[in-house]
C-alpha atoms as a PDB file:
ATOM      1  CA  UNK A   1     -21.073   9.581  68.949  1.00  0.00           C
ATOM      2  CA  UNK A   2     -19.134   8.044  66.087  1.00  0.00           C
ATOM      3  CA  UNK A   3     -21.880   5.507  65.565  1.00  0.00           C
ATOM      4  CA  UNK A   4     -24.562   8.171  65.155  1.00  0.00           C
ATOM      5  CA  UNK A   5     -22.493  10.081  62.563  1.00  0.00           C
ATOM      6  CA  UNK A   6     -22.039   6.870  60.530  1.00  0.00           C
ATOM      7  CA  UNK A   7     -25.791   6.218  60.715  1.00  0.00           C
ATOM      8  CA  UNK A   8     -26.476   9.779  59.561  1.00  0.00           C
ATOM      9  CA  UNK A   9     -24.183   9.346  56.533  1.00  0.00           C
ATOM     10  CA  UNK A  10     -25.837   6.047  55.605  1.00  0.00           C
ATOM     11  CA  UNK A  11     -29.272   7.614  55.909  1.00  0.00           C
ATOM     12  CA  UNK A  12     -28.210  10.509  53.631  1.00  0.00           C
ATOM     13  CA  UNK A  13     -26.763   8.081  51.079  1.00  0.00           C
ATOM     14  CA  UNK A  14     -29.865   5.901  51.044  1.00  0.00           C
ATOM     15  CA  UNK A  15     -32.125   8.953  50.736  1.00  0.00           C
ATOM     16  CA  UNK A  16     -29.960  10.196  47.819  1.00  0.00           C
ATOM     17  CA  UNK A  17     -30.417   6.955  45.859  1.00  0.00           C
ATOM     18  CA  UNK A  18     -34.083   6.795  46.821  1.00  0.00           C
ATOM     19  CA  UNK A  19     -34.797   9.990  44.883  1.00  0.00           C
ATOM     20  CA  UNK A  20     -36.549   9.584  41.495  1.00  0.00           C
ATOM     21  CA  UNK A  21     -34.116   9.017  38.562  1.00  0.00           C
ATOM     22  CA  UNK A  22     -31.208   7.967  40.775  1.00  0.00           C
ATOM     23  CA  UNK A  23     -31.990   4.237  40.505  1.00  0.00           C
ATOM     24  CA  UNK A  24     -31.433   4.286  36.727  1.00  0.00           C
ATOM     25  CA  UNK A  25     -28.076   6.038  37.175  1.00  0.00           C
ATOM     26  CA  UNK A  26     -27.038   3.474  39.755  1.00  0.00           C
ATOM     27  CA  UNK A  27     -28.077   0.614  37.450  1.00  0.00           C
ATOM     28  CA  UNK A  28     -26.133   2.110  34.491  1.00  0.00           C
ATOM     29  CA  UNK A  29     -23.062   2.560  36.648  1.00  0.00           C
ATOM     30  CA  UNK A  30     -23.106  -1.122  37.537  1.00  0.00           C
ATOM     31  CA  UNK A  31     -23.412  -2.350  33.917  1.00  0.00           C
ATOM     32  CA  UNK A  32     -20.064  -3.420  32.436  1.00  0.00           C
ATOM     33  CA  UNK A  33     -18.644  -1.279  29.594  1.00  0.00           C
ATOM     34  CA  UNK A  34     -19.588  -2.625  26.147  1.00  0.00           C
ATOM     35  CA  UNK A  35     -18.018  -0.662  23.256  1.00  0.00           C
ATOM     36  CA  UNK A  36     -19.876  -0.052  20.016  1.00  0.00           C
ATOM     37  CA  UNK A  37     -18.814  -2.383  17.149  1.00  0.00           C
ATOM     38  CA  UNK A  38     -17.833   0.628  14.988  1.00  0.00           C
ATOM     39  CA  UNK A  39     -15.550   1.902  17.747  1.00  0.00           C
ATOM     40  CA  UNK A  40     -13.927  -1.523  18.036  1.00  0.00           C
ATOM     41  CA  UNK A  41     -13.434  -1.686  14.246  1.00  0.00           C
ATOM     42  CA  UNK A  42     -11.911   1.813  14.130  1.00  0.00           C
ATOM     43  CA  UNK A  43      -9.506   0.936  16.944  1.00  0.00           C
ATOM     44  CA  UNK A  44      -8.495  -2.266  15.159  1.00  0.00           C
ATOM     45  CA  UNK A  45      -7.939  -0.374  11.886  1.00  0.00           C
ATOM     46  CA  UNK A  46      -5.884   2.279  13.685  1.00  0.00           C
ATOM     47  CA  UNK A  47      -3.765  -0.402  15.341  1.00  0.00           C
ATOM     48  CA  UNK A  48      -3.247  -2.186  11.998  1.00  0.00           C
ATOM     49  CA  UNK A  49      -2.153   1.111  10.402  1.00  0.00           C
ATOM     50  CA  UNK A  50       0.236   1.779  13.300  1.00  0.00           C
ATOM     51  CA  UNK A  51       1.785  -1.668  12.916  1.00  0.00           C
ATOM     52  CA  UNK A  52       2.072  -1.198   9.131  1.00  0.00           C
ATOM     53  CA  UNK A  53       3.817   2.178   9.567  1.00  0.00           C
ATOM     54  CA  UNK A  54       6.136   0.588  12.109  1.00  0.00           C
ATOM     55  CA  UNK A  55       7.009  -2.222   9.657  1.00  0.00           C
ATOM     56  CA  UNK A  56       7.596   0.272   6.832  1.00  0.00           C
ATOM     57  CA  UNK A  57       9.811   2.394   9.084  1.00  0.00           C
ATOM     58  CA  UNK A  58      11.820  -0.683  10.116  1.00  0.00           C
ATOM     59  CA  UNK A  59      12.185  -1.750   6.468  1.00  0.00           C
ATOM     60  CA  UNK A  60      13.318   1.759   5.480  1.00  0.00           C
ATOM     61  CA  UNK A  61      15.920   1.746   8.260  1.00  0.00           C
ATOM     62  CA  UNK A  62      17.133  -1.703   7.195  1.00  0.00           C
ATOM     63  CA  UNK A  63      17.444  -0.626   3.534  1.00  0.00           C
ATOM     64  CA  UNK A  64      19.314   2.504   4.580  1.00  0.00           C
ATOM     65  CA  UNK A  65      21.699   0.439   6.721  1.00  0.00           C
ATOM     66  CA  UNK A  66      22.326  -1.854   3.733  1.00  0.00           C
ATOM     67  CA  UNK A  67      22.941   1.136   1.446  1.00  0.00           C
ATOM     68  CA  UNK A  68      19.850   0.399  -0.676  1.00  0.00           C
ATOM     69  CA  UNK A  69      17.195   2.829  -1.935  1.00  0.00           C
ATOM     70  CA  UNK A  70      13.437   2.425  -1.425  1.00  0.00           C
ATOM     71  CA  UNK A  71      12.891   0.830  -4.861  1.00  0.00           C
ATOM     72  CA  UNK A  72      15.761  -1.654  -4.596  1.00  0.00           C
ATOM     73  CA  UNK A  73      15.069  -3.780  -1.510  1.00  0.00           C
ATOM     74  CA  UNK A  74      12.986  -6.970  -1.218  1.00  0.00           C
ATOM     75  CA  UNK A  75      11.467  -7.020  -4.712  1.00  0.00           C
ATOM     76  CA  UNK A  76       9.321  -9.929  -5.948  1.00  0.00           C
ATOM     77  CA  UNK A  77      11.029 -12.331  -8.361  1.00  0.00           C
ATOM     78  CA  UNK A  78       9.217 -10.832 -11.376  1.00  0.00           C
ATOM     79  CA  UNK A  79      10.138  -7.201 -10.569  1.00  0.00           C
ATOM     80  CA  UNK A  80      13.475  -5.721 -11.658  1.00  0.00           C
ATOM     81  CA  UNK A  81      14.877  -2.230 -11.153  1.00  0.00           C
ATOM     82  CA  UNK A  82      16.863  -1.754 -14.373  1.00  0.00           C
ATOM     83  CA  UNK A  83      20.044   0.312 -14.377  1.00  0.00           C
ATOM     84  CA  UNK A  84      20.789   0.817 -18.087  1.00  0.00           C
ATOM     85  CA  UNK A  85      18.836   1.081 -21.371  1.00  0.00           C
ATOM     86  CA  UNK A  86      20.643  -2.083 -22.543  1.00  0.00           C
ATOM     87  CA  UNK A  87      19.375  -4.029 -19.513  1.00  0.00           C
ATOM     88  CA  UNK A  88      15.829  -2.728 -20.139  1.00  0.00           C
ATOM     89  CA  UNK A  89      15.998  -3.872 -23.771  1.00  0.00           C
ATOM     90  CA  UNK A  90      17.537  -7.250 -22.956  1.00  0.00           C
ATOM     91  CA  UNK A  91      15.017  -8.123 -20.194  1.00  0.00           C
ATOM     92  CA  UNK A  92      12.115  -7.000 -22.393  1.00  0.00           C
ATOM     93  CA  UNK A  93      13.277  -9.188 -25.288  1.00  0.00           C
ATOM     94  CA  UNK A  94      13.706 -12.211 -23.000  1.00  0.00           C
ATOM     95  CA  UNK A  95      10.158 -11.703 -21.679  1.00  0.00           C
ATOM     96  CA  UNK A  96       8.727 -11.410 -25.216  1.00  0.00           C
ATOM     97  CA  UNK A  97      10.552 -14.586 -26.279  1.00  0.00           C
ATOM     98  CA  UNK A  98       9.061 -16.420 -23.277  1.00  0.00           C
ATOM     99  CA  UNK A  99       5.569 -15.138 -24.143  1.00  0.00           C
ATOM    100  CA  UNK A 100       5.384 -12.898 -21.060  1.00  0.00           C
ATOM    101  CA  UNK A 101       3.853  -9.454 -20.921  1.00  0.00           C
ATOM    102  CA  UNK A 102       5.908  -6.541 -19.599  1.00  0.00           C
ATOM    103  CA  UNK A 103       4.746  -3.649 -17.436  1.00  0.00           C
ATOM    104  CA  UNK A 104       7.231  -0.781 -17.368  1.00  0.00           C
ATOM    105  CA  UNK A 105       7.077   1.608 -14.409  1.00  0.00           C
ATOM    106  CA  UNK A 106       8.723   4.995 -15.009  1.00  0.00           C
ATOM    107  CA  UNK A 107       9.531   6.719 -11.710  1.00  0.00           C
ATOM    108  CA  UNK A 108      11.928   9.106  -9.980  1.00  0.00           C
ATOM    109  CA  UNK A 109      13.517   8.555  -6.594  1.00  0.00           C
ATOM    110  CA  UNK A 110      12.356  11.887  -5.113  1.00  0.00           C
ATOM    111  CA  UNK A 111       8.732  11.390  -6.271  1.00  0.00           C
ATOM    112  CA  UNK A 112       6.425  10.933  -3.265  1.00  0.00           C
ATOM    113  CA  UNK A 113       3.588   9.401  -5.353  1.00  0.00           C
ATOM    114  CA  UNK A 114       6.062   6.891  -6.848  1.00  0.00           C
ATOM    115  CA  UNK A 115       7.253   5.885  -3.418  1.00  0.00           C
ATOM    116  CA  UNK A 116       3.699   5.477  -2.080  1.00  0.00           C
ATOM    117  CA  UNK A 117       2.693   3.387  -5.106  1.00  0.00           C
ATOM    118  CA  UNK A 118       5.764   1.127  -4.857  1.00  0.00           C
ATOM    119  CA  UNK A 119       4.276  -1.070  -2.118  1.00  0.00           C
ATOM    120  CA  UNK A 120       1.066  -1.583  -4.120  1.00  0.00           C
ATOM    121  CA  UNK A 121       3.140  -2.465  -7.218  1.00  0.00           C
ATOM    122  CA  UNK A 122       5.020  -5.132  -5.274  1.00  0.00           C
ATOM    123  CA  UNK A 123       1.693  -6.639  -4.242  1.00  0.00           C
ATOM    124  CA  UNK A 124       0.420  -6.541  -7.853  1.00  0.00           C
ATOM    125  CA  UNK A 125       3.645  -8.201  -9.040  1.00  0.00           C
ATOM    126  CA  UNK A 126       3.134 -11.023  -6.546  1.00  0.00           C
ATOM    127  CA  UNK A 127      -0.465 -11.407  -7.762  1.00  0.00           C
ATOM    128  CA  UNK A 128       0.629 -11.547 -11.457  1.00  0.00           C
ATOM    129  CA  UNK A 129       3.778 -13.707 -11.679  1.00  0.00           C
ATOM    130  CA  UNK A 130       3.236 -14.169 -15.441  1.00  0.00           C
ATOM    131  CA  UNK A 131       4.007 -10.455 -16.033  1.00  0.00           C
ATOM    132  CA  UNK A 132       7.495  -8.959 -15.805  1.00  0.00           C
ATOM    133  CA  UNK A 133       7.587  -5.616 -13.953  1.00  0.00           C
ATOM    134  CA  UNK A 134      10.458  -3.352 -14.985  1.00  0.00           C
ATOM    135  CA  UNK A 135      11.198  -0.223 -12.956  1.00  0.00           C
ATOM    136  CA  UNK A 136      12.935   2.608 -14.841  1.00  0.00           C
ATOM    137  CA  UNK A 137      14.427   5.358 -12.673  1.00  0.00           C
ATOM    138  CA  UNK A 138      14.429   8.786 -14.322  1.00  0.00           C
ATOM    139  CA  UNK A 139      16.797  10.073 -11.624  1.00  0.00           C
ATOM    140  CA  UNK A 140      19.463   7.736 -13.025  1.00  0.00           C
ATOM    141  CA  UNK A 141      21.531   9.673 -15.562  1.00  0.00           C
ATOM    142  CA  UNK A 142      21.948   6.548 -17.722  1.00  0.00           C
ATOM    143  CA  UNK A 143      18.161   6.062 -18.039  1.00  0.00           C
ATOM    144  CA  UNK A 144      17.176   9.657 -18.876  1.00  0.00           C
ATOM    145  CA  UNK A 145      17.481   9.020 -22.641  1.00  0.00           C
ATOM    146  CA  UNK A 146      14.770   6.340 -22.274  1.00  0.00           C
ATOM    147  CA  UNK A 147      12.420   8.972 -20.808  1.00  0.00           C
ATOM    148  CA  UNK A 148      13.208  11.408 -23.623  1.00  0.00           C
ATOM    149  CA  UNK A 149      12.879   8.759 -26.351  1.00  0.00           C
ATOM    150  CA  UNK A 150       9.483   7.572 -25.066  1.00  0.00           C
ATOM    151  CA  UNK A 151       8.117  11.023 -24.262  1.00  0.00           C
ATOM    152  CA  UNK A 152       7.733  10.449 -20.522  1.00  0.00           C
ATOM    153  CA  UNK A 153       7.453  13.881 -18.887  1.00  0.00           C
ATOM    154  CA  UNK A 154       5.799  13.057 -15.553  1.00  0.00           C
ATOM    155  CA  UNK A 155       5.854  10.217 -13.048  1.00  0.00           C
ATOM    156  CA  UNK A 156       4.626   7.746 -11.977  1.00  0.00           C
ATOM    157  CA  UNK A 157       3.958   6.587 -15.523  1.00  0.00           C
ATOM    158  CA  UNK A 158       3.396   3.108 -16.953  1.00  0.00           C
ATOM    159  CA  UNK A 159       3.602   1.341 -20.290  1.00  0.00           C
ATOM    160  CA  UNK A 160       2.527  -2.165 -21.218  1.00  0.00           C
ATOM    161  CA  UNK A 161       4.408  -4.152 -23.810  1.00  0.00           C
ATOM    162  CA  UNK A 162       2.699  -6.998 -25.657  1.00  0.00           C
ATOM    163  CA  UNK A 163       4.387  -9.138 -28.310  1.00  0.00           C
ATOM    164  CA  UNK A 164       7.313  -6.738 -28.446  1.00  0.00           C
ATOM    165  CA  UNK A 165       5.161  -3.661 -29.051  1.00  0.00           C
ATOM    166  CA  UNK A 166       4.878  -0.820 -26.567  1.00  0.00           C
ATOM    167  CA  UNK A 167       1.314   0.268 -25.845  1.00  0.00           C
ATOM    168  CA  UNK A 168       0.188   3.819 -25.104  1.00  0.00           C
ATOM    169  CA  UNK A 169       1.641   5.012 -21.776  1.00  0.00           C
ATOM    170  CA  UNK A 170      -0.716   5.904 -18.912  1.00  0.00           C
ATOM    171  CA  UNK A 171      -0.390   7.463 -15.486  1.00  0.00           C
ATOM    172  CA  UNK A 172      -1.341   5.752 -12.234  1.00  0.00           C
ATOM    173  CA  UNK A 173      -1.348   6.532  -8.544  1.00  0.00           C
ATOM    174  CA  UNK A 174      -3.155   5.455  -5.382  1.00  0.00           C
ATOM    175  CA  UNK A 175      -6.199   7.405  -6.604  1.00  0.00           C
ATOM    176  CA  UNK A 176      -8.973   4.743  -6.858  1.00  0.00           C
ATOM    177  CA  UNK A 177      -9.811   5.504 -10.518  1.00  0.00           C
ATOM    178  CA  UNK A 178      -6.176   5.462 -11.661  1.00  0.00           C
ATOM    179  CA  UNK A 179      -5.453   2.360  -9.616  1.00  0.00           C
ATOM    180  CA  UNK A 180      -8.465   0.663 -11.220  1.00  0.00           C
ATOM    181  CA  UNK A 181      -7.107   1.544 -14.675  1.00  0.00           C
ATOM    182  CA  UNK A 182      -3.695   0.099 -13.729  1.00  0.00           C
ATOM    183  CA  UNK A 183      -5.330  -3.141 -12.563  1.00  0.00           C
ATOM    184  CA  UNK A 184      -7.372  -3.385 -15.784  1.00  0.00           C
ATOM    185  CA  UNK A 185      -4.285  -2.856 -17.961  1.00  0.00           C
ATOM    186  CA  UNK A 186      -2.403  -5.437 -15.912  1.00  0.00           C
ATOM    187  CA  UNK A 187      -5.245  -7.981 -16.172  1.00  0.00           C
ATOM    188  CA  UNK A 188      -5.383  -7.516 -19.956  1.00  0.00           C
ATOM    189  CA  UNK A 189      -1.620  -8.016 -20.111  1.00  0.00           C
ATOM    190  CA  UNK A 190      -1.859 -11.178 -17.982  1.00  0.00           C
ATOM    191  CA  UNK A 191      -4.668 -12.552 -20.184  1.00  0.00           C
ATOM    192  CA  UNK A 192      -2.690 -11.969 -23.361  1.00  0.00           C
ATOM    193  CA  UNK A 193       0.331 -13.713 -21.781  1.00  0.00           C
ATOM    194  CA  UNK A 194      -1.868 -16.678 -20.816  1.00  0.00           C
ATOM    195  CA  UNK A 195      -3.244 -16.941 -24.384  1.00  0.00           C
ATOM    196  CA  UNK A 196       0.268 -16.929 -25.879  1.00  0.00           C
ATOM    197  CA  UNK A 197       1.428 -19.647 -23.502  1.00  0.00           C
ATOM    198  CA  UNK A 198      -1.744 -21.788 -23.861  1.00  0.00           C
END
C-alpha cells in the first residue's frame, strides 16, 4: 500500500514538470545565482562607506578620550591649527620667507560643513606638501579679532597668501563646484611656490 502511494506521488510530480513551461522554470532553478555587476559594485561601495564611517567613529572616540577636538587630531605635517593671532602671523611669515604659499582655513567648531570638509582638507594638505595650511577657529575667543579684521562673516572660508599678500577670500564646501574652485586656488598657490623655489 505504501509503495503504491509513493508511485502515485512520483507520477504526479513527473506529470507536473512535464507540463509546458515547467521545464524552463526547473532549468532556471538549477542555475547558480550570478549577481549583476552593478549590484556587486553598489554592495562594495556600501561596504566601503560603512567601513569609512566606522573608522571615523573610532577616530572621533579616540580624540574625545584624548581630550582633543575634531580639528586637532592627526593633522598632516603641513597643517597647523593656530591658537593666537601672533602664532598665525609668525607661521605665515616663516612660510613666506621659505617661499611657501599659505592657505588659511577659517572655521568654527560647531559648523557641520567645516567638520565635513576637514577630512578632504587633510587629504589636500597631504597632496600639496609645499603649501602651509593654517586653520583659524572663530569659536576661539582669541582668534575672533582676526575674523573681524579680515571681514570673515561665514564659514568655511578660505584665503590664499602669496608673497606675503592675502588674496581675496572665497568660500568652499563639499559641493563639487566649490570644491573644484578650492582645488584650482590650491594648484595656483602650489605653482607659485614652485616658481619661487625654482
